[in-house]
C-alpha atoms as a PDB file:
ATOM      1  CA  MET A   1      14.400 -29.998  19.681  1.00  0.00           C
ATOM      2  CA  ILE A   2      14.001 -26.903  17.917  1.00  0.00           C
ATOM      3  CA  GLU A   3      16.679 -26.606  15.166  1.00  0.00           C
ATOM      4  CA  ASN A   4      18.306 -23.427  14.829  1.00  0.00           C
ATOM      5  CA  LYS A   5      18.097 -22.432  11.061  1.00  0.00           C
ATOM      6  CA  LYS A   6      21.293 -20.258   9.630  1.00  0.00           C
ATOM      7  CA  THR A   7      20.394 -16.889   8.528  1.00  0.00           C
ATOM      8  CA  ASN A   8      21.044 -16.896   4.613  1.00  0.00           C
ATOM      9  CA  TRP A   9      23.235 -13.537   4.517  1.00  0.00           C
ATOM     10  CA  PRO A  10      23.080 -13.359   0.665  1.00  0.00           C
ATOM     11  CA  VAL A  11      19.740 -12.947   0.355  1.00  0.00           C
ATOM     12  CA  MET A  12      19.497 -10.960   3.568  1.00  0.00           C
ATOM     13  CA  ALA A  13      21.914  -8.347   1.903  1.00  0.00           C
ATOM     14  CA  LEU A  14      19.878  -8.117  -1.271  1.00  0.00           C
ATOM     15  CA  LEU A  15      16.905  -7.666   0.914  1.00  0.00           C
ATOM     16  CA  ILE A  16      18.639  -4.766   2.641  1.00  0.00           C
ATOM     17  CA  LEU A  17      19.397  -3.673  -1.281  1.00  0.00           C
ATOM     18  CA  GLY A  18      16.200  -3.529  -2.151  1.00  0.00           C
ATOM     19  CA  LEU A  19      15.094  -1.679   0.739  1.00  0.00           C
ATOM     20  CA  SER A  20      17.328   0.984   0.271  1.00  0.00           C
ATOM     21  CA  THR A  21      16.288   1.703  -2.885  1.00  0.00           C
ATOM     22  CA  ILE A  22      12.943   2.545  -1.790  1.00  0.00           C
ATOM     23  CA  ALA A  23      13.518   3.992   1.489  1.00  0.00           C
ATOM     24  CA  PHE A  24      16.622   6.087   0.178  1.00  0.00           C
ATOM     25  CA  PRO A  25      14.355   8.025  -2.478  1.00  0.00           C
ATOM     26  CA  LEU A  26      11.432   8.477   0.244  1.00  0.00           C
ATOM     27  CA  TYR A  27      13.816  10.012   2.615  1.00  0.00           C
ATOM     28  CA  MET A  28      15.101  12.376   0.284  1.00  0.00           C
ATOM     29  CA  THR A  29      11.626  13.173  -1.016  1.00  0.00           C
ATOM     30  CA  ILE A  30      10.080  14.180   2.352  1.00  0.00           C
ATOM     31  CA  ILE A  31      13.020  16.043   4.348  1.00  0.00           C
ATOM     32  CA  ILE A  32      13.244  18.255   0.522  1.00  0.00           C
ATOM     33  CA  ALA A  33       9.728  19.037   0.791  1.00  0.00           C
ATOM     34  CA  PHE A  34       9.765  20.101   4.396  1.00  0.00           C
ATOM     35  CA  LYS A  35      12.988  21.840   3.298  1.00  0.00           C
ATOM     36  CA  GLN A  36      13.120  26.012   2.742  1.00  0.00           C
ATOM     37  CA  PRO A  37      14.992  26.632  -0.822  1.00  0.00           C
ATOM     38  CA  SER A  38      17.817  28.375   1.756  1.00  0.00           C
ATOM     39  CA  GLU A  39      18.576  24.949   3.310  1.00  0.00           C
ATOM     40  CA  MET A  40      19.552  23.692  -0.093  1.00  0.00           C
ATOM     41  CA  THR A  41      23.367  23.637  -0.155  1.00  0.00           C
ATOM     42  CA  THR A  42      25.220  22.052  -2.837  1.00  0.00           C
ATOM     43  CA  SER A  43      27.402  19.642   0.152  1.00  0.00           C
ATOM     44  CA  ILE A  44      26.084  15.891   0.377  1.00  0.00           C
ATOM     45  CA  SER A  45      25.691  16.659   4.276  1.00  0.00           C
ATOM     46  CA  GLY A  46      23.535  19.649   3.652  1.00  0.00           C
ATOM     47  CA  ILE A  47      21.213  17.900   1.106  1.00  0.00           C
ATOM     48  CA  LEU A  48      20.927  14.850   3.445  1.00  0.00           C
ATOM     49  CA  SER A  49      20.565  16.660   6.751  1.00  0.00           C
ATOM     50  CA  LEU A  50      17.362  17.068   8.324  1.00  0.00           C
ATOM     51  CA  PRO A  51      15.320  20.717   8.166  1.00  0.00           C
ATOM     52  CA  GLN A  52      16.085  22.973  10.375  1.00  0.00           C
ATOM     53  CA  HIS A  53      12.545  24.115  10.519  1.00  0.00           C
ATOM     54  CA  TRP A  54       9.606  21.871   9.828  1.00  0.00           C
ATOM     55  CA  SER A  55       7.085  23.809   7.953  1.00  0.00           C
ATOM     56  CA  LEU A  56       4.260  22.745   5.428  1.00  0.00           C
ATOM     57  CA  ASP A  57       5.252  26.248   3.655  1.00  0.00           C
ATOM     58  CA  ASN A  58       5.712  24.425   0.556  1.00  0.00           C
ATOM     59  CA  PHE A  59       2.803  22.312   0.403  1.00  0.00           C
ATOM     60  CA  ARG A  60       0.758  25.459   0.607  1.00  0.00           C
ATOM     61  CA  GLU A  61       2.443  26.546  -2.152  1.00  0.00           C
ATOM     62  CA  ALA A  62       2.555  23.640  -4.109  1.00  0.00           C
ATOM     63  CA  MET A  63      -1.348  23.035  -3.904  1.00  0.00           C
ATOM     64  CA  ARG A  64      -1.839  27.111  -5.371  1.00  0.00           C
ATOM     65  CA  VAL A  65       0.788  26.771  -8.307  1.00  0.00           C
ATOM     66  CA  THR A  66      -0.769  23.349  -9.224  1.00  0.00           C
ATOM     67  CA  ASP A  67      -4.335  24.529  -8.380  1.00  0.00           C
ATOM     68  CA  PHE A  68      -4.124  21.370  -6.680  1.00  0.00           C
ATOM     69  CA  TRP A  69      -8.135  20.772  -6.010  1.00  0.00           C
ATOM     70  CA  HIS A  70      -8.990  21.201  -9.591  1.00  0.00           C
ATOM     71  CA  SER A  71      -5.845  19.023 -11.047  1.00  0.00           C
ATOM     72  CA  LEU A  72      -6.726  16.080  -8.355  1.00  0.00           C
ATOM     73  CA  LEU A  73     -10.431  15.861  -9.338  1.00  0.00           C
ATOM     74  CA  ASN A  74      -9.283  15.718 -12.937  1.00  0.00           C
ATOM     75  CA  SER A  75      -6.907  12.846 -11.963  1.00  0.00           C
ATOM     76  CA  LEU A  76      -9.513  11.270  -9.990  1.00  0.00           C
ATOM     77  CA  LEU A  77     -12.106  11.596 -12.628  1.00  0.00           C
ATOM     78  CA  ILE A  78      -9.840   9.794 -15.236  1.00  0.00           C
ATOM     79  CA  SER A  79      -8.783   7.242 -12.800  1.00  0.00           C
ATOM     80  CA  VAL A  80     -11.725   6.052 -11.497  1.00  0.00           C
ATOM     81  CA  VAL A  81     -13.487   5.726 -15.210  1.00  0.00           C
ATOM     82  CA  THR A  82     -10.682   4.277 -17.098  1.00  0.00           C
ATOM     83  CA  VAL A  83     -10.367   1.686 -13.883  1.00  0.00           C
ATOM     84  CA  VAL A  84     -14.275   0.884 -13.850  1.00  0.00           C
ATOM     85  CA  LEU A  85     -14.630   0.441 -17.714  1.00  0.00           C
ATOM     86  CA  SER A  86     -11.394  -1.476 -17.447  1.00  0.00           C
ATOM     87  CA  LEU A  87     -12.585  -3.859 -15.124  1.00  0.00           C
ATOM     88  CA  ILE A  88     -15.982  -4.326 -17.219  1.00  0.00           C
ATOM     89  CA  ILE A  89     -14.424  -4.428 -20.755  1.00  0.00           C
ATOM     90  CA  HIS A  90     -11.185  -6.258 -20.093  1.00  0.00           C
ATOM     91  CA  SER A  91     -12.675  -8.866 -17.779  1.00  0.00           C
ATOM     92  CA  LEU A  92     -15.459  -9.419 -20.748  1.00  0.00           C
ATOM     93  CA  MET A  93     -13.160  -9.649 -23.118  1.00  0.00           C
ATOM     94  CA  GLY A  94     -10.860 -12.308 -20.749  1.00  0.00           C
ATOM     95  CA  TYR A  95     -13.528 -14.359 -20.137  1.00  0.00           C
ATOM     96  CA  ALA A  96     -14.505 -15.038 -23.899  1.00  0.00           C
ATOM     97  CA  LEU A  97     -10.814 -15.287 -25.212  1.00  0.00           C
ATOM     98  CA  GLY A  98      -9.988 -17.370 -22.043  1.00  0.00           C
ATOM     99  CA  ARG A  99     -12.184 -20.008 -22.440  1.00  0.00           C
ATOM    100  CA  ASN A 100     -12.251 -20.035 -26.109  1.00  0.00           C
ATOM    101  CA  LYS A 101      -8.823 -20.016 -27.103  1.00  0.00           C
ATOM    102  CA  ALA A 102      -7.662 -23.302 -26.392  1.00  0.00           C
ATOM    103  CA  LYS A 103     -10.591 -25.141 -28.532  1.00  0.00           C
ATOM    104  CA  SER A 104     -10.481 -22.444 -31.362  1.00  0.00           C
ATOM    105  CA  LYS A 105      -7.691 -21.091 -33.407  1.00  0.00           C
ATOM    106  CA  PHE A 106      -9.653 -17.649 -34.321  1.00  0.00           C
ATOM    107  CA  TYR A 107     -10.492 -17.448 -30.590  1.00  0.00           C
ATOM    108  CA  ASN A 108      -6.643 -17.796 -30.360  1.00  0.00           C
ATOM    109  CA  LEU A 109      -5.209 -15.739 -33.254  1.00  0.00           C
ATOM    110  CA  VAL A 110      -7.585 -12.751 -31.915  1.00  0.00           C
ATOM    111  CA  TYR A 111      -5.935 -13.265 -28.054  1.00  0.00           C
ATOM    112  CA  LEU A 112      -2.081 -13.260 -29.659  1.00  0.00           C
ATOM    113  CA  PHE A 113      -3.107 -10.067 -31.843  1.00  0.00           C
ATOM    114  CA  ILE A 114      -4.603  -8.088 -28.840  1.00  0.00           C
ATOM    115  CA  VAL A 115      -1.533  -9.637 -26.680  1.00  0.00           C
ATOM    116  CA  SER A 116       0.889  -8.588 -29.053  1.00  0.00           C
ATOM    117  CA  GLY A 117      -0.223  -4.833 -28.490  1.00  0.00           C
ATOM    118  CA  MET A 118       1.881  -4.427 -25.613  1.00  0.00           C
ATOM    119  CA  PHE A 119       5.140  -4.663 -27.302  1.00  0.00           C
ATOM    120  CA  VAL A 120       3.792  -1.155 -29.531  1.00  0.00           C
ATOM    121  CA  PRO A 121       5.237   1.979 -28.089  1.00  0.00           C
ATOM    122  CA  PHE A 122       3.301   4.913 -27.233  1.00  0.00           C
ATOM    123  CA  ALA A 123       5.609   7.322 -29.049  1.00  0.00           C
ATOM    124  CA  ILE A 124       5.154   5.609 -32.461  1.00  0.00           C
ATOM    125  CA  LEU A 125       1.176   5.972 -32.052  1.00  0.00           C
ATOM    126  CA  MET A 126       1.542   9.831 -30.102  1.00  0.00           C
ATOM    127  CA  MET A 127       1.372  11.872 -33.281  1.00  0.00           C
ATOM    128  CA  PRO A 128      -1.648  10.533 -35.192  1.00  0.00           C
ATOM    129  CA  LEU A 129      -3.600   9.913 -32.094  1.00  0.00           C
ATOM    130  CA  ALA A 130      -2.987  13.247 -30.868  1.00  0.00           C
ATOM    131  CA  LYS A 131      -4.587  14.357 -34.548  1.00  0.00           C
ATOM    132  CA  GLN A 132      -7.415  11.894 -34.905  1.00  0.00           C
ATOM    133  CA  THR A 133      -8.667  12.505 -31.109  1.00  0.00           C
ATOM    134  CA  ALA A 134      -8.712  16.450 -32.136  1.00  0.00           C
ATOM    135  CA  GLU A 135     -10.372  16.135 -35.149  1.00  0.00           C
ATOM    136  CA  MET A 136     -12.985  13.768 -33.815  1.00  0.00           C
ATOM    137  CA  GLY A 137     -13.615  16.445 -30.604  1.00  0.00           C
ATOM    138  CA  LEU A 138     -12.001  14.063 -27.890  1.00  0.00           C
ATOM    139  CA  GLY A 139      -8.935  16.245 -27.085  1.00  0.00           C
ATOM    140  CA  ASN A 140     -10.457  15.952 -23.703  1.00  0.00           C
ATOM    141  CA  TRP A 141     -10.820  13.928 -20.658  1.00  0.00           C
ATOM    142  CA  VAL A 142     -12.966  11.477 -22.117  1.00  0.00           C
ATOM    143  CA  GLY A 143     -10.617  11.086 -25.240  1.00  0.00           C
ATOM    144  CA  VAL A 144      -7.922  10.065 -22.534  1.00  0.00           C
ATOM    145  CA  VAL A 145      -9.890   7.519 -20.820  1.00  0.00           C
ATOM    146  CA  LEU A 146     -10.697   6.120 -24.192  1.00  0.00           C
ATOM    147  CA  LEU A 147      -7.137   5.586 -24.933  1.00  0.00           C
ATOM    148  CA  TYR A 148      -6.392   4.101 -21.402  1.00  0.00           C
ATOM    149  CA  VAL A 149      -8.867   1.412 -21.837  1.00  0.00           C
ATOM    150  CA  VAL A 150      -7.037   0.370 -25.438  1.00  0.00           C
ATOM    151  CA  PHE A 151      -3.501   0.726 -24.345  1.00  0.00           C
ATOM    152  CA  TYR A 152      -4.289  -1.674 -21.122  1.00  0.00           C
ATOM    153  CA  MET A 153      -6.522  -4.085 -22.783  1.00  0.00           C
ATOM    154  CA  PRO A 154      -3.397  -6.124 -23.689  1.00  0.00           C
ATOM    155  CA  MET A 155      -2.005  -6.903 -20.518  1.00  0.00           C
ATOM    156  CA  ASN A 156      -4.944  -6.947 -18.708  1.00  0.00           C
ATOM    157  CA  THR A 157      -6.359  -9.358 -21.053  1.00  0.00           C
ATOM    158  CA  MET A 158      -3.826 -11.591 -20.734  1.00  0.00           C
ATOM    159  CA  LEU A 159      -3.979 -11.329 -16.485  1.00  0.00           C
ATOM    160  CA  TYR A 160      -7.944 -12.325 -16.892  1.00  0.00           C
ATOM    161  CA  ALA A 161      -7.421 -15.024 -19.452  1.00  0.00           C
ATOM    162  CA  GLY A 162      -4.756 -16.770 -17.084  1.00  0.00           C
ATOM    163  CA  TYR A 163      -6.727 -16.589 -13.844  1.00  0.00           C
ATOM    164  CA  LEU A 164      -9.463 -18.119 -15.912  1.00  0.00           C
ATOM    165  CA  VAL A 165      -6.920 -21.226 -15.625  1.00  0.00           C
ATOM    166  CA  ASN A 166      -8.166 -21.017 -11.874  1.00  0.00           C
ATOM    167  CA  ILE A 167     -11.858 -21.158 -12.196  1.00  0.00           C
ATOM    168  CA  PRO A 168     -13.457 -24.637 -12.414  1.00  0.00           C
ATOM    169  CA  VAL A 169     -15.867 -25.070 -16.040  1.00  0.00           C
ATOM    170  CA  ALA A 170     -18.042 -27.142 -13.899  1.00  0.00           C
ATOM    171  CA  LEU A 171     -19.167 -23.757 -12.222  1.00  0.00           C
ATOM    172  CA  GLU A 172     -20.625 -22.882 -15.384  1.00  0.00           C
ATOM    173  CA  GLU A 173     -22.063 -25.954 -16.558  1.00  0.00           C
ATOM    174  CA  ALA A 174     -23.947 -26.341 -13.353  1.00  0.00           C
ATOM    175  CA  ALA A 175     -25.153 -22.840 -14.250  1.00  0.00           C
ATOM    176  CA  ARG A 176     -26.307 -23.726 -17.472  1.00  0.00           C
ATOM    177  CA  VAL A 177     -28.095 -26.957 -16.217  1.00  0.00           C
ATOM    178  CA  ASP A 178     -29.976 -24.769 -14.087  1.00  0.00           C
ATOM    179  CA  GLY A 179     -31.215 -22.553 -16.969  1.00  0.00           C
ATOM    180  CA  ALA A 180     -28.751 -19.682 -16.882  1.00  0.00           C
ATOM    181  CA  SER A 181     -27.498 -18.037 -19.501  1.00  0.00           C
ATOM    182  CA  THR A 182     -24.175 -17.290 -20.414  1.00  0.00           C
ATOM    183  CA  TRP A 183     -24.422 -13.677 -19.606  1.00  0.00           C
ATOM    184  CA  ARG A 184     -26.103 -14.362 -16.406  1.00  0.00           C
ATOM    185  CA  THR A 185     -23.982 -17.348 -15.792  1.00  0.00           C
ATOM    186  CA  TYR A 186     -20.956 -14.548 -15.995  1.00  0.00           C
ATOM    187  CA  TRP A 187     -22.031 -12.016 -13.949  1.00  0.00           C
ATOM    188  CA  SER A 188     -23.782 -13.982 -10.955  1.00  0.00           C
ATOM    189  CA  ILE A 189     -20.475 -16.651 -11.086  1.00  0.00           C
ATOM    190  CA  ILE A 190     -17.408 -15.726 -12.791  1.00  0.00           C
ATOM    191  CA  PHE A 191     -17.258 -11.812 -12.120  1.00  0.00           C
ATOM    192  CA  PRO A 192     -17.527 -12.505  -8.377  1.00  0.00           C
ATOM    193  CA  VAL A 193     -14.903 -15.261  -8.213  1.00  0.00           C
ATOM    194  CA  MET A 194     -12.570 -12.845 -10.089  1.00  0.00           C
ATOM    195  CA  LYS A 195     -12.259 -10.513  -7.122  1.00  0.00           C
ATOM    196  CA  PRO A 196      -8.494 -10.868  -6.680  1.00  0.00           C
ATOM    197  CA  MET A 197      -7.813 -10.244 -10.229  1.00  0.00           C
ATOM    198  CA  HIS A 198     -10.265  -7.348 -10.253  1.00  0.00           C
ATOM    199  CA  ALA A 199      -8.304  -5.757  -7.378  1.00  0.00           C
ATOM    200  CA  THR A 200      -4.919  -6.100  -9.214  1.00  0.00           C
ATOM    201  CA  VAL A 201      -6.024  -4.936 -12.452  1.00  0.00           C
ATOM    202  CA  ALA A 202      -7.469  -1.944 -10.939  1.00  0.00           C
ATOM    203  CA  VAL A 203      -4.242  -1.115  -8.816  1.00  0.00           C
ATOM    204  CA  LEU A 204      -2.176  -1.648 -12.069  1.00  0.00           C
ATOM    205  CA  THR A 205      -4.049   0.196 -14.154  1.00  0.00           C
ATOM    206  CA  ALA A 206      -4.807   3.082 -11.404  1.00  0.00           C
ATOM    207  CA  LEU A 207      -0.886   3.405 -10.924  1.00  0.00           C
ATOM    208  CA  ALA A 208      -0.481   3.958 -14.398  1.00  0.00           C
ATOM    209  CA  VAL A 209      -3.182   6.338 -15.301  1.00  0.00           C
ATOM    210  CA  TRP A 210      -2.433   8.207 -12.308  1.00  0.00           C
ATOM    211  CA  ASN A 211       1.578   8.709 -13.048  1.00  0.00           C
ATOM    212  CA  ASP A 212       1.161   9.218 -16.888  1.00  0.00           C
ATOM    213  CA  VAL A 213       2.258  12.745 -18.259  1.00  0.00           C
ATOM    214  CA  MET A 214       2.533  11.623 -21.993  1.00  0.00           C
ATOM    215  CA  THR A 215      -0.940  10.588 -22.811  1.00  0.00           C
ATOM    216  CA  PRO A 216      -2.664  13.598 -21.046  1.00  0.00           C
ATOM    217  CA  LEU A 217      -0.026  16.373 -22.378  1.00  0.00           C
ATOM    218  CA  VAL A 218      -0.266  15.247 -26.055  1.00  0.00           C
ATOM    219  CA  ILE A 219      -4.191  14.730 -25.827  1.00  0.00           C
ATOM    220  CA  MET A 220      -5.070  17.422 -23.563  1.00  0.00           C
ATOM    221  CA  ALA A 221      -2.746  20.052 -24.889  1.00  0.00           C
ATOM    222  CA  GLY A 222      -4.863  23.065 -24.763  1.00  0.00           C
ATOM    223  CA  SER A 223      -8.081  22.214 -23.772  1.00  0.00           C
ATOM    224  CA  GLY A 224      -7.091  24.182 -20.235  1.00  0.00           C
ATOM    225  CA  GLN A 225      -7.753  20.776 -18.200  1.00  0.00           C
ATOM    226  CA  ASN A 226      -4.883  19.472 -15.968  1.00  0.00           C
ATOM    227  CA  THR A 227      -4.235  16.100 -14.137  1.00  0.00           C
ATOM    228  CA  LEU A 228      -1.850  16.363 -11.174  1.00  0.00           C
ATOM    229  CA  PRO A 229       1.452  15.123 -13.554  1.00  0.00           C
ATOM    230  CA  LEU A 230       0.527  17.886 -15.900  1.00  0.00           C
ATOM    231  CA  ALA A 231       0.526  20.398 -13.043  1.00  0.00           C
ATOM    232  CA  GLN A 232       3.657  19.257 -11.441  1.00  0.00           C
ATOM    233  CA  LEU A 233       5.424  20.351 -14.215  1.00  0.00           C
ATOM    234  CA  ASN A 234       5.265  23.873 -13.652  1.00  0.00           C
ATOM    235  CA  PHE A 235       7.868  23.353 -11.117  1.00  0.00           C
ATOM    236  CA  GLN A 236      10.288  22.515 -13.954  1.00  0.00           C
ATOM    237  CA  SER A 237      11.717  25.967 -16.230  1.00  0.00           C
ATOM    238  CA  GLN A 238      14.330  26.714 -18.644  1.00  0.00           C
ATOM    239  CA  PHE A 239      16.479  27.642 -16.046  1.00  0.00           C
ATOM    240  CA  GLY A 240      15.908  24.990 -12.966  1.00  0.00           C
ATOM    241  CA  THR A 241      13.579  23.111 -11.121  1.00  0.00           C
ATOM    242  CA  ASN A 242      12.125  24.205  -7.622  1.00  0.00           C
ATOM    243  CA  TYR A 243      12.853  20.701  -5.930  1.00  0.00           C
ATOM    244  CA  ASN A 244      11.450  21.894  -2.442  1.00  0.00           C
ATOM    245  CA  LEU A 245       8.120  22.556  -4.010  1.00  0.00           C
ATOM    246  CA  ALA A 246       7.855  20.021  -6.379  1.00  0.00           C
ATOM    247  CA  PHE A 247       8.601  17.039  -4.082  1.00  0.00           C
ATOM    248  CA  ALA A 248       5.682  18.538  -1.699  1.00  0.00           C
ATOM    249  CA  SER A 249       3.607  18.143  -4.460  1.00  0.00           C
ATOM    250  CA  TYR A 250       4.908  14.268  -5.268  1.00  0.00           C
ATOM    251  CA  LEU A 251       4.009  13.626  -1.427  1.00  0.00           C
ATOM    252  CA  LEU A 252       0.732  15.226  -1.841  1.00  0.00           C
ATOM    253  CA  SER A 253      -0.294  13.348  -5.153  1.00  0.00           C
ATOM    254  CA  LEU A 254       0.948   9.852  -3.669  1.00  0.00           C
ATOM    255  CA  ILE A 255      -1.443  10.149  -0.875  1.00  0.00           C
ATOM    256  CA  PRO A 256      -4.845   9.021  -3.072  1.00  0.00           C
ATOM    257  CA  ILE A 257      -3.027   6.016  -4.795  1.00  0.00           C
ATOM    258  CA  LEU A 258      -1.143   5.136  -1.374  1.00  0.00           C
ATOM    259  CA  ILE A 259      -4.691   4.987   0.127  1.00  0.00           C
ATOM    260  CA  PHE A 260      -6.220   3.102  -2.808  1.00  0.00           C
ATOM    261  CA  TYR A 261      -3.581   0.159  -2.602  1.00  0.00           C
ATOM    262  CA  ILE A 262      -3.815  -0.090   1.046  1.00  0.00           C
ATOM    263  CA  ILE A 263      -7.106  -1.188   0.569  1.00  0.00           C
ATOM    264  CA  CYS A 264      -6.568  -3.666  -2.487  1.00  0.00           C
ATOM    265  CA  GLN A 265      -3.081  -5.190  -1.007  1.00  0.00           C
ATOM    266  CA  LYS A 266      -4.867  -8.135   0.166  1.00  0.00           C
ATOM    267  CA  GLN A 267      -6.272  -9.152  -3.100  1.00  0.00           C
ATOM    268  CA  ILE A 268      -3.154  -7.963  -4.990  1.00  0.00           C
ATOM    269  CA  LEU A 269      -0.550 -11.050  -4.216  1.00  0.00           C
ATOM    270  CA  ASN A 270      -3.298 -13.829  -4.965  1.00  0.00           C
ATOM    271  CA  GLY A 271      -4.256 -12.012  -8.235  1.00  0.00           C
ATOM    272  CA  VAL A 272      -0.831 -11.827  -9.504  1.00  0.00           C
ATOM    273  CA  VAL A 273      -0.043 -15.406  -8.418  1.00  0.00           C
ATOM    274  CA  ASN A 274      -2.836 -17.251 -10.467  1.00  0.00           C
ATOM    275  CA  GLY A 275      -3.019 -14.511 -13.273  1.00  0.00           C
ATOM    276  CA  ALA A 276       0.563 -16.265 -13.988  1.00  0.00           C
ATOM    277  CA  VAL A 277      -1.119 -19.535 -14.695  1.00  0.00           C
ATOM    278  CA  LYS A 278      -1.330 -20.217 -18.370  1.00  0.00           C
END
């Protein structure tokens, strides 16, 4: 006889509350993006109501104002290069430190030093980095990518080092017996096995890079190059914000990163859970 399970109402209420915090802002973004400025009234019912006429005019104008395709290309370039470099460099660092920090005080200190970088806010480093990158001729997307690789190194290294706990050392020992070098062992065995963590690191890094405004704003100022978040600042002025165009632009910029997340989502949960094991 099947036993009926009682509904856990407190948990259900928390889930509904959590869903509403996501669904309501998304609903507001969509309806405002399709509304005309004349439909934006000060009353609550006017703001929450559906558009009287669904039109793509806001999207076309937003693409024109932000020079959408050029800005999108810059954002994609920075995001893709940052993710690729992060997967290679951070996984190598996580492997070296993860396998040796328990056996060597030196590696353990290096690991702790790198991870401590998560507690350094960008605001403290902003002005020195802006001056240094300008003097080195890196006040462009290359300098932004290099800074991103350094900024996200602590978190990604910690995730990779934690994930290595779930990979048996016996795999590497068997490869050494067969005559494989450490370099060959890593690329042929360890790197493919860390696929779930690669997906996790790629999505977390891509999300952070895609949505970041401050770093490109400080480093690329005056270069004439805009990422999508920088271009969207055009909708804000001293006297107000054009919410209809801004929200339309936000929806357009959401599509590429959403597609990337959907592709990688199967691997993310496994990577986060296993990466949390120390």
